[in-house]
Amino acid sequence: MGALFPNVDWPEIGLASLDTLSMLGGSLLFTVILGLPLGVLLFLASPRQLLEQRALYGTLSLVVNILRSVPFVILLILMIPVTVLITGTSLGVAGAIPPLVVGATPFFARLVETALREVDRGIIEAIQAMGASTRQIVFHALLPEALPGILAAITVTAITLVSYTAMSGLIGGGGLGDLAVRYGYQRYQPDVMLITVALLLVLVQVLQTAGDWLVLRFSRK
């Protein structure tokens, strides 16, 4: 292995992998916590839905679209002052999580909204006719019926966050992306670049496989 990858520091690769997993886990958790209710609110406030509010929907949709349209590399730089205010640093795992969450939450919210739109309207009307409140409709009809779609949305978002964690290495975010930038690119060590890319590909494949299994497991069809 030493002959094939002379520049690779395997303990450092291990630590970088743990940093990437920490960034992915932390950012995905907060993305789901923030993005799920935002996606539900977007759906409920949209035209011809339970809580139709065109002004609210237009405002939320505009904010979501603006955040989604900002390239993540630029968002990383723009959020440095906010990240320092929240975490006390813009470097490492802690410094990467806030921009990761801000970048992924609007994306995930749109996926949740799309998943909710795919729920059979007849189910909503049936439970509504039984006198259910909006809260009951959301928790007992919408979310359970849309669960496979939401799980698929989480999977897609997790894979997107893997690429975002790699980009966070450009500003010292840590993880495999940081190694790829500092050693693979800046020091022209292609073996380090190869190993980091291979590990990221493996991570993406694991996430996709796990996500597909969960979607199949909870699908009612």
Foldseek 3Di string as FASTA:
>chain_A
DCVVQVPDDVVQQVVLAVLLVLLLVLLLVLLCVQQQVLLVVLQQCDPPHPNPDPVVNVVSVVVLVVLQPDPLLVLLVVCQVVLCVVQVGCAESSNLRVSLNSNLNSVLSNQNNVLLVPFPVVQLVVVVVVVDDPVCCVVVPRCLQSVLSSLVSSLVSSLVSLVSCLSSLVVNHGHLNVQCVVPVPPVVRVSSVVVSVVVSVVVNVVSVVVSVVVSVVSHPD
